[in-house]
PDB file of N, CA and C in Angstrom:
ATOM      1  N   MET A   1      -0.296 -34.246   1.442  1.00  0.00           N
ATOM      2  CA  MET A   1       0.333 -34.286   2.741  1.00  0.00           C
ATOM      3  C   MET A   1      -0.493 -33.500   3.728  1.00  0.00           C
ATOM      4  N   SER A   2      -0.733 -33.983   4.920  1.00  0.00           N
ATOM      5  CA  SER A   2      -1.558 -33.336   5.908  1.00  0.00           C
ATOM      6  C   SER A   2      -0.789 -32.108   6.517  1.00  0.00           C
ATOM      7  N   ASP A   3      -1.582 -31.203   7.089  1.00  0.00           N
ATOM      8  CA  ASP A   3      -0.970 -30.043   7.760  1.00  0.00           C
ATOM      9  C   ASP A   3       0.016 -30.459   8.837  1.00  0.00           C
ATOM     10  N   SER A   4      -0.327 -31.504   9.546  1.00  0.00           N
ATOM     11  CA  SER A   4       0.589 -31.959  10.652  1.00  0.00           C
ATOM     12  C   SER A   4       1.877 -32.410  10.070  1.00  0.00           C
ATOM     13  N   CYS A   5       1.867 -33.171   8.937  1.00  0.00           N
ATOM     14  CA  CYS A   5       3.111 -33.615   8.372  1.00  0.00           C
ATOM     15  C   CYS A   5       3.910 -32.429   7.811  1.00  0.00           C
ATOM     16  N   GLU A   6       3.228 -31.462   7.200  1.00  0.00           N
ATOM     17  CA  GLU A   6       3.872 -30.282   6.661  1.00  0.00           C
ATOM     18  C   GLU A   6       4.603 -29.552   7.798  1.00  0.00           C
ATOM     19  N   HIS A   7       3.902 -29.393   8.915  1.00  0.00           N
ATOM     20  CA  HIS A   7       4.501 -28.671  10.060  1.00  0.00           C
ATOM     21  C   HIS A   7       5.713 -29.438  10.609  1.00  0.00           C
ATOM     22  N   HIS A   8       5.563 -30.797  10.630  1.00  0.00           N
ATOM     23  CA  HIS A   8       6.661 -31.591  11.164  1.00  0.00           C
ATOM     24  C   HIS A   8       7.916 -31.527  10.260  1.00  0.00           C
ATOM     25  N   ASP A   9       7.715 -31.419   8.966  1.00  0.00           N
ATOM     26  CA  ASP A   9       8.840 -31.400   8.021  1.00  0.00           C
ATOM     27  C   ASP A   9       9.434 -29.955   7.921  1.00  0.00           C
ATOM     28  N   LEU A  10       8.727 -28.986   8.359  1.00  0.00           N
ATOM     29  CA  LEU A  10       9.168 -27.611   8.206  1.00  0.00           C
ATOM     30  C   LEU A  10      10.436 -27.385   9.083  1.00  0.00           C
ATOM     31  N   ASP A  11      11.452 -26.791   8.452  1.00  0.00           N
ATOM     32  CA  ASP A  11      12.666 -26.443   9.152  1.00  0.00           C
ATOM     33  C   ASP A  11      12.356 -25.083   9.821  1.00  0.00           C
ATOM     34  N   ILE A  12      12.023 -25.088  11.088  1.00  0.00           N
ATOM     35  CA  ILE A  12      11.579 -23.860  11.776  1.00  0.00           C
ATOM     36  C   ILE A  12      12.669 -22.821  11.756  1.00  0.00           C
ATOM     37  N   HIS A  13      13.817 -23.126  12.115  1.00  0.00           N
ATOM     38  CA  HIS A  13      14.878 -22.140  12.148  1.00  0.00           C
ATOM     39  C   HIS A  13      15.084 -21.536  10.724  1.00  0.00           C
ATOM     40  N   GLY A  14      15.152 -22.382   9.730  1.00  0.00           N
ATOM     41  CA  GLY A  14      15.260 -21.886   8.352  1.00  0.00           C
ATOM     42  C   GLY A  14      14.103 -21.006   7.876  1.00  0.00           C
ATOM     43  N   GLU A  15      12.924 -21.394   8.273  1.00  0.00           N
ATOM     44  CA  GLU A  15      11.692 -20.666   7.895  1.00  0.00           C
ATOM     45  C   GLU A  15      11.682 -19.329   8.659  1.00  0.00           C
ATOM     46  N   LEU A  16      12.123 -19.344   9.920  1.00  0.00           N
ATOM     47  CA  LEU A  16      12.198 -18.010  10.631  1.00  0.00           C
ATOM     48  C   LEU A  16      13.088 -17.063   9.873  1.00  0.00           C
ATOM     49  N   GLU A  17      14.269 -17.555   9.445  1.00  0.00           N
ATOM     50  CA  GLU A  17      15.219 -16.722   8.642  1.00  0.00           C
ATOM     51  C   GLU A  17      14.564 -16.210   7.387  1.00  0.00           C
ATOM     52  N   LYS A  18      13.886 -17.095   6.675  1.00  0.00           N
ATOM     53  CA  LYS A  18      13.221 -16.712   5.373  1.00  0.00           C
ATOM     54  C   LYS A  18      12.185 -15.720   5.609  1.00  0.00           C
ATOM     55  N   VAL A  19      11.340 -15.850   6.607  1.00  0.00           N
ATOM     56  CA  VAL A  19      10.242 -14.900   6.871  1.00  0.00           C
ATOM     57  C   VAL A  19      10.902 -13.559   7.266  1.00  0.00           C
ATOM     58  N   ALA A  20      11.941 -13.587   8.089  1.00  0.00           N
ATOM     59  CA  ALA A  20      12.642 -12.371   8.480  1.00  0.00           C
ATOM     60  C   ALA A  20      13.141 -11.646   7.215  1.00  0.00           C
ATOM     61  N   SER A  21      13.647 -12.375   6.259  1.00  0.00           N
ATOM     62  CA  SER A  21      14.171 -11.815   5.049  1.00  0.00           C
ATOM     63  C   SER A  21      13.069 -11.201   4.230  1.00  0.00           C
ATOM     64  N   VAL A  22      11.889 -11.836   4.189  1.00  0.00           N
ATOM     65  CA  VAL A  22      10.733 -11.278   3.405  1.00  0.00           C
ATOM     66  C   VAL A  22      10.240 -10.015   4.092  1.00  0.00           C
ATOM     67  N   VAL A  23      10.244 -10.006   5.430  1.00  0.00           N
ATOM     68  CA  VAL A  23       9.811  -8.811   6.112  1.00  0.00           C
ATOM     69  C   VAL A  23      10.746  -7.653   5.850  1.00  0.00           C
ATOM     70  N   ALA A  24      12.061  -7.932   5.875  1.00  0.00           N
ATOM     71  CA  ALA A  24      13.063  -6.899   5.598  1.00  0.00           C
ATOM     72  C   ALA A  24      12.900  -6.373   4.168  1.00  0.00           C
ATOM     73  N   ALA A  25      12.601  -7.280   3.240  1.00  0.00           N
ATOM     74  CA  ALA A  25      12.379  -6.835   1.815  1.00  0.00           C
ATOM     75  C   ALA A  25      11.148  -5.920   1.694  1.00  0.00           C
ATOM     76  N   ALA A  26      10.074  -6.344   2.393  1.00  0.00           N
ATOM     77  CA  ALA A  26       8.846  -5.579   2.380  1.00  0.00           C
ATOM     78  C   ALA A  26       9.077  -4.205   2.987  1.00  0.00           C
ATOM     79  N   ARG A  27       9.838  -4.127   4.012  1.00  0.00           N
ATOM     80  CA  ARG A  27      10.159  -2.776   4.648  1.00  0.00           C
ATOM     81  C   ARG A  27      10.961  -1.916   3.704  1.00  0.00           C
ATOM     82  N   ARG A  28      11.900  -2.529   2.919  1.00  0.00           N
ATOM     83  CA  ARG A  28      12.684  -1.791   2.004  1.00  0.00           C
ATOM     84  C   ARG A  28      11.750  -1.148   0.869  1.00  0.00           C
ATOM     85  N   VAL A  29      10.865  -2.044   0.391  1.00  0.00           N
ATOM     86  CA  VAL A  29       9.928  -1.589  -0.670  1.00  0.00           C
ATOM     87  C   VAL A  29       9.096  -0.409  -0.140  1.00  0.00           C
ATOM     88  N   LEU A  30       8.608  -0.530   1.059  1.00  0.00           N
ATOM     89  CA  LEU A  30       7.805   0.582   1.643  1.00  0.00           C
ATOM     90  C   LEU A  30       8.670   1.825   1.834  1.00  0.00           C
ATOM     91  N   SER A  31       9.895   1.682   2.234  1.00  0.00           N
ATOM     92  CA  SER A  31      10.766   2.810   2.436  1.00  0.00           C
ATOM     93  C   SER A  31      11.013   3.569   1.134  1.00  0.00           C
ATOM     94  N   GLU A  32      10.866   2.911  -0.017  1.00  0.00           N
ATOM     95  CA  GLU A  32      10.991   3.524  -1.307  1.00  0.00           C
ATOM     96  C   GLU A  32       9.699   4.164  -1.776  1.00  0.00           C
ATOM     97  N   GLY A  33       8.658   4.077  -0.953  1.00  0.00           N
ATOM     98  CA  GLY A  33       7.409   4.674  -1.266  1.00  0.00           C
ATOM     99  C   GLY A  33       6.525   3.841  -2.211  1.00  0.00           C
ATOM    100  N   ARG A  34       6.892   2.579  -2.332  1.00  0.00           N
ATOM    101  CA  ARG A  34       6.129   1.722  -3.166  1.00  0.00           C
ATOM    102  C   ARG A  34       5.171   0.834  -2.380  1.00  0.00           C
ATOM    103  N   MET A  35       4.175   0.317  -3.043  1.00  0.00           N
ATOM    104  CA  MET A  35       3.213  -0.531  -2.427  1.00  0.00           C
ATOM    105  C   MET A  35       3.816  -1.969  -2.227  1.00  0.00           C
ATOM    106  N   VAL A  36       3.260  -2.703  -1.294  1.00  0.00           N
ATOM    107  CA  VAL A  36       3.790  -4.096  -1.064  1.00  0.00           C
ATOM    108  C   VAL A  36       2.604  -4.958  -0.799  1.00  0.00           C
ATOM    109  N   ASP A  37       2.621  -6.137  -1.360  1.00  0.00           N
ATOM    110  CA  ASP A  37       1.584  -7.149  -1.091  1.00  0.00           C
ATOM    111  C   ASP A  37       2.117  -8.148  -0.075  1.00  0.00           C
ATOM    112  N   ILE A  38       1.427  -8.128   1.062  1.00  0.00           N
ATOM    113  CA  ILE A  38       1.921  -9.024   2.161  1.00  0.00           C
ATOM    114  C   ILE A  38       1.077 -10.245   2.295  1.00  0.00           C
ATOM    115  N   SER A  39       0.191 -10.527   1.357  1.00  0.00           N
ATOM    116  CA  SER A  39      -0.724 -11.676   1.543  1.00  0.00           C
ATOM    117  C   SER A  39       0.058 -13.029   1.624  1.00  0.00           C
ATOM    118  N   ARG A  40       1.126 -13.163   0.869  1.00  0.00           N
ATOM    119  CA  ARG A  40       1.930 -14.423   0.961  1.00  0.00           C
ATOM    120  C   ARG A  40       2.658 -14.472   2.279  1.00  0.00           C
ATOM    121  N   LEU A  41       3.076 -13.339   2.712  1.00  0.00           N
ATOM    122  CA  LEU A  41       3.819 -13.244   3.983  1.00  0.00           C
ATOM    123  C   LEU A  41       2.866 -13.671   5.123  1.00  0.00           C
ATOM    124  N   GLN A  42       1.611 -13.149   5.084  1.00  0.00           N
ATOM    125  CA  GLN A  42       0.675 -13.581   6.137  1.00  0.00           C
ATOM    126  C   GLN A  42       0.490 -15.072   6.190  1.00  0.00           C
ATOM    127  N   ALA A  43       0.323 -15.687   5.010  1.00  0.00           N
ATOM    128  CA  ALA A  43       0.152 -17.156   4.986  1.00  0.00           C
ATOM    129  C   ALA A  43       1.389 -17.889   5.483  1.00  0.00           C
ATOM    130  N   ARG A  44       2.575 -17.364   5.182  1.00  0.00           N
ATOM    131  CA  ARG A  44       3.774 -17.998   5.586  1.00  0.00           C
ATOM    132  C   ARG A  44       3.966 -17.855   7.112  1.00  0.00           C
ATOM    133  N   VAL A  45       3.646 -16.753   7.604  1.00  0.00           N
ATOM    134  CA  VAL A  45       3.761 -16.554   9.067  1.00  0.00           C
ATOM    135  C   VAL A  45       2.745 -17.423   9.819  1.00  0.00           C
ATOM    136  N   ALA A  46       1.527 -17.585   9.273  1.00  0.00           N
ATOM    137  CA  ALA A  46       0.550 -18.418   9.901  1.00  0.00           C
ATOM    138  C   ALA A  46       1.020 -19.861   9.938  1.00  0.00           C
ATOM    139  N   LYS A  47       1.607 -20.323   8.814  1.00  0.00           N
ATOM    140  CA  LYS A  47       2.122 -21.714   8.765  1.00  0.00           C
ATOM    141  C   LYS A  47       3.248 -21.890   9.761  1.00  0.00           C
ATOM    142  N   LEU A  48       4.135 -20.882   9.834  1.00  0.00           N
ATOM    143  CA  LEU A  48       5.256 -20.967  10.773  1.00  0.00           C
ATOM    144  C   LEU A  48       4.769 -21.007  12.221  1.00  0.00           C
ATOM    145  N   CYS A  49       3.791 -20.157  12.537  1.00  0.00           N
ATOM    146  CA  CYS A  49       3.231 -20.133  13.876  1.00  0.00           C
ATOM    147  C   CYS A  49       2.634 -21.476  14.255  1.00  0.00           C
ATOM    148  N   ASP A  50       1.863 -22.052  13.311  1.00  0.00           N
ATOM    149  CA  ASP A  50       1.218 -23.366  13.532  1.00  0.00           C
ATOM    150  C   ASP A  50       2.296 -24.403  13.839  1.00  0.00           C
ATOM    151  N   ALA A  51       3.430 -24.403  13.074  1.00  0.00           N
ATOM    152  CA  ALA A  51       4.497 -25.357  13.271  1.00  0.00           C
ATOM    153  C   ALA A  51       5.180 -25.143  14.612  1.00  0.00           C
ATOM    154  N   ILE A  52       5.380 -23.888  14.982  1.00  0.00           N
ATOM    155  CA  ILE A  52       6.029 -23.627  16.279  1.00  0.00           C
ATOM    156  C   ILE A  52       5.136 -24.101  17.424  1.00  0.00           C
ATOM    157  N   MET A  53       3.821 -23.799  17.327  1.00  0.00           N
ATOM    158  CA  MET A  53       2.912 -24.236  18.387  1.00  0.00           C
ATOM    159  C   MET A  53       2.899 -25.723  18.497  1.00  0.00           C
ATOM    160  N   GLU A  54       2.984 -26.451  17.396  1.00  0.00           N
ATOM    161  CA  GLU A  54       2.943 -27.893  17.386  1.00  0.00           C
ATOM    162  C   GLU A  54       4.195 -28.480  18.049  1.00  0.00           C
ATOM    163  N   ARG A  55       5.343 -27.822  17.859  1.00  0.00           N
ATOM    164  CA  ARG A  55       6.601 -28.386  18.311  1.00  0.00           C
ATOM    165  C   ARG A  55       7.262 -27.539  19.374  1.00  0.00           C
ATOM    166  N   ALA A  56       6.606 -26.543  19.880  1.00  0.00           N
ATOM    167  CA  ALA A  56       7.209 -25.600  20.875  1.00  0.00           C
ATOM    168  C   ALA A  56       7.821 -26.311  22.080  1.00  0.00           C
ATOM    169  N   PRO A  57       7.197 -27.307  22.701  1.00  0.00           N
ATOM    170  CA  PRO A  57       7.824 -27.904  23.858  1.00  0.00           C
ATOM    171  C   PRO A  57       9.277 -28.402  23.568  1.00  0.00           C
ATOM    172  N   ASN A  58       9.508 -28.857  22.366  1.00  0.00           N
ATOM    173  CA  ASN A  58      10.825 -29.423  22.066  1.00  0.00           C
ATOM    174  C   ASN A  58      11.796 -28.352  21.623  1.00  0.00           C
ATOM    175  N   ASN A  59      11.340 -27.221  21.183  1.00  0.00           N
ATOM    176  CA  ASN A  59      12.275 -26.276  20.577  1.00  0.00           C
ATOM    177  C   ASN A  59      12.206 -24.841  21.156  1.00  0.00           C
ATOM    178  N   ALA A  60      11.425 -24.719  22.192  1.00  0.00           N
ATOM    179  CA  ALA A  60      11.181 -23.316  22.720  1.00  0.00           C
ATOM    180  C   ALA A  60      12.428 -22.558  23.046  1.00  0.00           C
ATOM    181  N   SER A  61      13.360 -23.150  23.761  1.00  0.00           N
ATOM    182  CA  SER A  61      14.543 -22.394  24.165  1.00  0.00           C
ATOM    183  C   SER A  61      15.409 -22.068  22.968  1.00  0.00           C
ATOM    184  N   SER A  62      15.474 -22.882  21.941  1.00  0.00           N
ATOM    185  CA  SER A  62      16.360 -22.643  20.839  1.00  0.00           C
ATOM    186  C   SER A  62      15.696 -21.628  19.862  1.00  0.00           C
ATOM    187  N   LEU A  63      14.395 -21.379  20.003  1.00  0.00           N
ATOM    188  CA  LEU A  63      13.711 -20.512  19.060  1.00  0.00           C
ATOM    189  C   LEU A  63      13.467 -19.148  19.672  1.00  0.00           C
ATOM    190  N   GLY A  64      13.691 -18.974  20.937  1.00  0.00           N
ATOM    191  CA  GLY A  64      13.271 -17.776  21.649  1.00  0.00           C
ATOM    192  C   GLY A  64      13.761 -16.477  21.030  1.00  0.00           C
ATOM    193  N   HIS A  65      15.121 -16.392  20.808  1.00  0.00           N
ATOM    194  CA  HIS A  65      15.733 -15.168  20.321  1.00  0.00           C
ATOM    195  C   HIS A  65      15.240 -14.898  18.855  1.00  0.00           C
ATOM    196  N   ALA A  66      15.186 -15.876  18.024  1.00  0.00           N
ATOM    197  CA  ALA A  66      14.790 -15.738  16.665  1.00  0.00           C
ATOM    198  C   ALA A  66      13.303 -15.285  16.579  1.00  0.00           C
ATOM    199  N   MET A  67      12.464 -15.823  17.467  1.00  0.00           N
ATOM    200  CA  MET A  67      11.067 -15.497  17.446  1.00  0.00           C
ATOM    201  C   MET A  67      10.878 -14.034  17.947  1.00  0.00           C
ATOM    202  N   GLU A  68      11.599 -13.620  18.992  1.00  0.00           N
ATOM    203  CA  GLU A  68      11.529 -12.257  19.481  1.00  0.00           C
ATOM    204  C   GLU A  68      11.960 -11.279  18.409  1.00  0.00           C
ATOM    205  N   SER A  69      13.033 -11.603  17.732  1.00  0.00           N
ATOM    206  CA  SER A  69      13.536 -10.737  16.655  1.00  0.00           C
ATOM    207  C   SER A  69      12.499 -10.617  15.530  1.00  0.00           C
ATOM    208  N   LEU A  70      11.899 -11.739  15.141  1.00  0.00           N
ATOM    209  CA  LEU A  70      10.891 -11.719  14.062  1.00  0.00           C
ATOM    210  C   LEU A  70       9.694 -10.900  14.493  1.00  0.00           C
ATOM    211  N   LEU A  71       9.218 -11.069  15.736  1.00  0.00           N
ATOM    212  CA  LEU A  71       8.110 -10.295  16.240  1.00  0.00           C
ATOM    213  C   LEU A  71       8.373  -8.816  16.188  1.00  0.00           C
ATOM    214  N   ALA A  72       9.629  -8.407  16.547  1.00  0.00           N
ATOM    215  CA  ALA A  72       9.992  -6.973  16.517  1.00  0.00           C
ATOM    216  C   ALA A  72       9.988  -6.546  15.069  1.00  0.00           C
ATOM    217  N   ASP A  73      10.514  -7.337  14.119  1.00  0.00           N
ATOM    218  CA  ASP A  73      10.467  -6.959  12.694  1.00  0.00           C
ATOM    219  C   ASP A  73       9.040  -6.823  12.171  1.00  0.00           C
ATOM    220  N   LEU A  74       8.172  -7.739  12.643  1.00  0.00           N
ATOM    221  CA  LEU A  74       6.789  -7.689  12.164  1.00  0.00           C
ATOM    222  C   LEU A  74       6.113  -6.431  12.761  1.00  0.00           C
ATOM    223  N   ASP A  75       6.439  -6.049  13.968  1.00  0.00           N
ATOM    224  CA  ASP A  75       5.913  -4.817  14.577  1.00  0.00           C
ATOM    225  C   ASP A  75       6.348  -3.618  13.754  1.00  0.00           C
ATOM    226  N   ARG A  76       7.605  -3.600  13.390  1.00  0.00           N
ATOM    227  CA  ARG A  76       8.145  -2.444  12.586  1.00  0.00           C
ATOM    228  C   ARG A  76       7.459  -2.405  11.159  1.00  0.00           C
ATOM    229  N   LEU A  77       7.200  -3.572  10.605  1.00  0.00           N
ATOM    230  CA  LEU A  77       6.500  -3.592   9.308  1.00  0.00           C
ATOM    231  C   LEU A  77       5.123  -3.091   9.463  1.00  0.00           C
ATOM    232  N   SER A  78       4.436  -3.494  10.516  1.00  0.00           N
ATOM    233  CA  SER A  78       3.129  -2.986  10.832  1.00  0.00           C
ATOM    234  C   SER A  78       3.109  -1.456  10.922  1.00  0.00           C
ATOM    235  N   ASP A  79       4.095  -0.890  11.625  1.00  0.00           N
ATOM    236  CA  ASP A  79       4.211   0.560  11.793  1.00  0.00           C
ATOM    237  C   ASP A  79       4.418   1.182  10.405  1.00  0.00           C
ATOM    238  N   ASP A  80       5.299   0.601   9.569  1.00  0.00           N
ATOM    239  CA  ASP A  80       5.542   1.078   8.222  1.00  0.00           C
ATOM    240  C   ASP A  80       4.279   1.078   7.386  1.00  0.00           C
ATOM    241  N   LEU A  81       3.535  -0.010   7.443  1.00  0.00           N
ATOM    242  CA  LEU A  81       2.302  -0.054   6.731  1.00  0.00           C
ATOM    243  C   LEU A  81       1.215   0.943   7.216  1.00  0.00           C
ATOM    244  N   THR A  82       1.229   1.089   8.488  1.00  0.00           N
ATOM    245  CA  THR A  82       0.245   2.153   9.034  1.00  0.00           C
ATOM    246  C   THR A  82       0.631   3.517   8.544  1.00  0.00           C
ATOM    247  N   ARG A  83       1.928   3.785   8.565  1.00  0.00           N
ATOM    248  CA  ARG A  83       2.420   5.112   8.104  1.00  0.00           C
ATOM    249  C   ARG A  83       2.093   5.311   6.623  1.00  0.00           C
ATOM    250  N   GLN A  84       2.315   4.293   5.811  1.00  0.00           N
ATOM    251  CA  GLN A  84       2.043   4.374   4.368  1.00  0.00           C
ATOM    252  C   GLN A  84       0.552   4.586   4.143  1.00  0.00           C
ATOM    253  N   PHE A  85      -0.257   3.863   4.913  1.00  0.00           N
ATOM    254  CA  PHE A  85      -1.705   4.052   4.756  1.00  0.00           C
ATOM    255  C   PHE A  85      -2.125   5.490   5.101  1.00  0.00           C
ATOM    256  N   GLY A  86      -1.481   6.081   6.152  1.00  0.00           N
ATOM    257  CA  GLY A  86      -1.792   7.421   6.475  1.00  0.00           C
ATOM    258  C   GLY A  86      -1.463   8.397   5.372  1.00  0.00           C
ATOM    259  N   VAL A  87      -0.293   8.166   4.720  1.00  0.00           N
ATOM    260  CA  VAL A  87       0.101   9.053   3.588  1.00  0.00           C
ATOM    261  C   VAL A  87      -0.875   8.887   2.502  1.00  0.00           C
ATOM    262  N   ILE A  88      -1.187   7.643   2.140  1.00  0.00           N
ATOM    263  CA  ILE A  88      -2.105   7.368   1.007  1.00  0.00           C
ATOM    264  C   ILE A  88      -3.510   7.973   1.290  1.00  0.00           C
ATOM    265  N   SER A  89      -3.990   7.823   2.485  1.00  0.00           N
ATOM    266  CA  SER A  89      -5.341   8.198   2.787  1.00  0.00           C
ATOM    267  C   SER A  89      -5.431   9.638   3.241  1.00  0.00           C
ATOM    268  N   GLY A  90      -4.307  10.352   3.241  1.00  0.00           N
ATOM    269  CA  GLY A  90      -4.332  11.790   3.695  1.00  0.00           C
ATOM    270  C   GLY A  90      -4.528  11.886   5.186  1.00  0.00           C
ATOM    271  N   SER A  91      -3.887  11.017   5.918  1.00  0.00           N
ATOM    272  CA  SER A  91      -3.979  10.971   7.332  1.00  0.00           C
ATOM    273  C   SER A  91      -5.426  10.811   7.869  1.00  0.00           C
ATOM    274  N   GLY A  92      -6.277  10.171   7.022  1.00  0.00           N
ATOM    275  CA  GLY A  92      -7.625   9.898   7.475  1.00  0.00           C
ATOM    276  C   GLY A  92      -8.625  11.006   7.244  1.00  0.00           C
ATOM    277  N   ASP A  93      -8.230  12.153   6.753  1.00  0.00           N
ATOM    278  CA  ASP A  93      -9.200  13.219   6.612  1.00  0.00           C
ATOM    279  C   ASP A  93      -9.843  13.264   5.174  1.00  0.00           C
ATOM    280  N   GLY A  94      -9.379  12.382   4.316  1.00  0.00           N
ATOM    281  CA  GLY A  94      -9.960  12.263   2.982  1.00  0.00           C
ATOM    282  C   GLY A  94      -9.524  13.361   2.025  1.00  0.00           C
ATOM    283  N   SER A  95      -8.653  14.288   2.461  1.00  0.00           N
ATOM    284  CA  SER A  95      -8.287  15.398   1.629  1.00  0.00           C
ATOM    285  C   SER A  95      -7.556  14.970   0.340  1.00  0.00           C
ATOM    286  N   ASN A  96      -6.659  13.994   0.488  1.00  0.00           N
ATOM    287  CA  ASN A  96      -5.947  13.485  -0.737  1.00  0.00           C
ATOM    288  C   ASN A  96      -6.983  12.880  -1.723  1.00  0.00           C
ATOM    289  N   LEU A  97      -7.926  12.098  -1.233  1.00  0.00           N
ATOM    290  CA  LEU A  97      -8.941  11.520  -2.045  1.00  0.00           C
ATOM    291  C   LEU A  97      -9.734  12.618  -2.722  1.00  0.00           C
ATOM    292  N   GLN A  98     -10.207  13.603  -1.990  1.00  0.00           N
ATOM    293  CA  GLN A  98     -10.971  14.659  -2.524  1.00  0.00           C
ATOM    294  C   GLN A  98     -10.143  15.454  -3.604  1.00  0.00           C
ATOM    295  N   GLN A  99      -8.922  15.707  -3.320  1.00  0.00           N
ATOM    296  CA  GLN A  99      -8.044  16.410  -4.284  1.00  0.00           C
ATOM    297  C   GLN A  99      -7.902  15.609  -5.525  1.00  0.00           C
ATOM    298  N   GLY A 100      -7.743  14.285  -5.429  1.00  0.00           N
ATOM    299  CA  GLY A 100      -7.678  13.403  -6.589  1.00  0.00           C
ATOM    300  C   GLY A 100      -8.959  13.417  -7.429  1.00  0.00           C
ATOM    301  N   LEU A 101     -10.081  13.377  -6.718  1.00  0.00           N
ATOM    302  CA  LEU A 101     -11.372  13.368  -7.435  1.00  0.00           C
ATOM    303  C   LEU A 101     -11.593  14.728  -8.113  1.00  0.00           C
ATOM    304  N   SER A 102     -11.222  15.786  -7.476  1.00  0.00           N
ATOM    305  CA  SER A 102     -11.372  17.118  -8.052  1.00  0.00           C
ATOM    306  C   SER A 102     -10.484  17.266  -9.329  1.00  0.00           C
ATOM    307  N   ALA A 103      -9.212  16.760  -9.240  1.00  0.00           N
ATOM    308  CA  ALA A 103      -8.356  16.811 -10.423  1.00  0.00           C
ATOM    309  C   ALA A 103      -8.839  15.974 -11.515  1.00  0.00           C
ATOM    310  N   TYR A 104      -9.392  14.841 -11.215  1.00  0.00           N
ATOM    311  CA  TYR A 104      -9.990  13.966 -12.254  1.00  0.00           C
ATOM    312  C   TYR A 104     -11.156  14.668 -12.895  1.00  0.00           C
ATOM    313  N   ALA A 105     -12.042  15.283 -12.067  1.00  0.00           N
ATOM    314  CA  ALA A 105     -13.258  15.940 -12.668  1.00  0.00           C
ATOM    315  C   ALA A 105     -12.786  17.121 -13.600  1.00  0.00           C
ATOM    316  N   ARG A 106     -11.810  17.884 -13.146  1.00  0.00           N
ATOM    317  CA  ARG A 106     -11.285  19.013 -13.994  1.00  0.00           C
ATOM    318  C   ARG A 106     -10.701  18.477 -15.299  1.00  0.00           C
ATOM    319  N   ALA A 107      -9.960  17.402 -15.211  1.00  0.00           N
ATOM    320  CA  ALA A 107      -9.328  16.871 -16.424  1.00  0.00           C
ATOM    321  C   ALA A 107     -10.389  16.305 -17.358  1.00  0.00           C
ATOM    322  N   LYS A 108     -11.451  15.730 -16.845  1.00  0.00           N
ATOM    323  CA  LYS A 108     -12.482  15.138 -17.629  1.00  0.00           C
ATOM    324  C   LYS A 108     -13.271  16.202 -18.385  1.00  0.00           C
ATOM    325  N   THR A 109     -13.495  17.316 -17.677  1.00  0.00           N
ATOM    326  CA  THR A 109     -14.282  18.400 -18.284  1.00  0.00           C
ATOM    327  C   THR A 109     -13.432  19.388 -19.062  1.00  0.00           C
ATOM    328  N   GLY A 110     -12.156  19.175 -19.025  1.00  0.00           N
ATOM    329  CA  GLY A 110     -11.229  20.099 -19.722  1.00  0.00           C
ATOM    330  C   GLY A 110     -10.961  21.350 -19.023  1.00  0.00           C
ATOM    331  N   GLY A 111     -11.344  21.405 -17.766  1.00  0.00           N
ATOM    332  CA  GLY A 111     -11.182  22.660 -17.008  1.00  0.00           C
ATOM    333  C   GLY A 111     -10.198  22.594 -16.014  1.00  0.00           C
TER     334      GLY A 111
END
């Protein structure tokens, strides 16, 4: 099936709800301090955006609120991921990495 046919068959309203649900689940996982893989989400959002662009003139008014809500959810997910990256990386100063390497070296040498 061609991309154009896939986009035509896509239930945009339903897909907007599914993507919003995946975003909410990812945010929950992050709030628990766990890692999350968003690669499938990225592909799903890209497919959804392509479908919306292809059919926007026909559905723009009915999609407006759902799209704005999803964009806000994606912005919050982005903020959550940025925050998690800062915690993992030690706010960019490398101190957590250095502490981890030092601990590993001490454990390796028995000291």
